[in-house]
Structure formats: structure tokens, C-alpha cells
């Protein structure tokens, strides 16, 4: 994972992997729904982390441009 990924996102990734394994073993609709819900949360968290990192880079560029 990139260094800018938050601890929350890393935790969600671990939960996602565990939920996927659980679904692959059981093939129940409940475990599939849980896996997909965690997947959606993981995507949202990753995109938020990415946006935050890009905003930080933009701020650094603005400060450098002002000098």
C-alpha cells in the first residue's frame, strides 16, 4: 500500500480480505453482502485518502509558487 494510505483504510483492507475469505468458504448471501459493504467502504476510504494526499501536494505547490 502507498505510504499515504491511512490506518483506517489499512484496517478496512484487512476486514475486506477476511470477509472475502469467509464468503468464499460459505457462499452465503449474508457473507456476500458483508463483503460487498466492506468493499464499498474500503473504496470510499481509499479515495478520501488519495484526495487528501493530492490536496497536500497542491498546498505545497501553492506555497512554493508564492516564494
Protein backbone atom coordinates (compact mmCIF):
# COMPACT_ATOMS: atom_id res chain seq x y z
CA UNK A 1 0.00 0.00 0.00
CA UNK A 2 1.17 3.53 -0.66
CA UNK A 3 2.56 5.44 2.32
CA UNK A 4 -0.29 7.97 2.23
CA UNK A 5 -2.98 5.37 2.95
CA UNK A 6 -4.47 5.90 6.41
CA UNK A 7 -4.55 3.36 9.22
CA UNK A 8 -8.34 3.23 8.89
CA UNK A 9 -8.05 2.21 5.23
CA UNK A 10 -5.46 -0.44 6.05
CA UNK A 11 -7.80 -1.85 8.70
CA UNK A 12 -10.68 -1.87 6.20
CA UNK A 13 -8.47 -3.73 3.72
CA UNK A 14 -7.79 -6.41 6.32
CA UNK A 15 -11.50 -6.66 7.13
CA UNK A 16 -12.27 -6.87 3.41
CA UNK A 17 -9.81 -9.71 2.91
CA UNK A 18 -11.25 -11.60 5.88
CA UNK A 19 -14.84 -11.05 4.68
CA UNK A 20 -13.90 -12.24 1.20
CA UNK A 21 -12.36 -15.43 2.58
CA UNK A 22 -15.44 -16.01 4.74
CA UNK A 23 -17.69 -15.59 1.70
CA UNK A 24 -15.57 -17.90 -0.45
CA UNK A 25 -15.86 -20.59 2.21
CA UNK A 26 -19.57 -20.24 2.94
CA UNK A 27 -21.11 -18.74 -0.23
CA UNK A 28 -23.99 -17.39 1.85
CA UNK A 29 -25.87 -14.28 0.84
CA UNK A 30 -25.17 -12.68 4.23
CA UNK A 31 -21.39 -13.05 3.91
CA UNK A 32 -21.51 -11.78 0.33
CA UNK A 33 -23.48 -8.70 1.42
CA UNK A 34 -20.99 -8.05 4.24
CA UNK A 35 -18.05 -8.44 1.86
CA UNK A 36 -19.58 -6.02 -0.66
CA UNK A 37 -20.43 -3.48 2.05
CA UNK A 38 -16.86 -3.52 3.35
CA UNK A 39 -15.60 -3.26 -0.24
CA UNK A 40 -17.66 -0.09 -0.77
CA UNK A 41 -16.36 1.38 2.49
CA UNK A 42 -12.79 0.48 1.51
CA UNK A 43 -13.16 2.22 -1.85
CA UNK A 44 -14.57 5.35 -0.20
CA UNK A 45 -11.75 5.43 2.36
CA UNK A 46 -9.08 4.91 -0.29
CA UNK A 47 -10.49 7.70 -2.46
CA UNK A 48 -10.64 10.05 0.55
CA UNK A 49 -7.02 9.27 1.41
CA UNK A 50 -6.00 9.87 -2.20
CA UNK A 51 -7.83 13.21 -2.33
CA UNK A 52 -6.24 14.29 0.96
CA UNK A 53 -2.77 13.44 -0.35
CA UNK A 54 -3.38 15.33 -3.59
CA UNK A 55 -4.62 18.37 -1.64
CA UNK A 56 -1.47 18.31 0.48
CA UNK A 57 0.67 18.22 -2.66
CA UNK A 58 -1.33 21.10 -4.13
CA UNK A 59 -0.85 23.15 -0.96
CA UNK A 60 2.91 22.56 -1.11
CA UNK A 61 2.97 23.69 -4.74
CA UNK A 62 1.00 26.84 -3.92
CA UNK A 63 3.39 27.72 -1.10
CA UNK A 64 6.38 27.12 -3.36
CA UNK A 65 4.81 29.28 -6.07
CA UNK A 66 4.32 32.16 -3.63
CA UNK A 67 8.03 32.30 -2.86
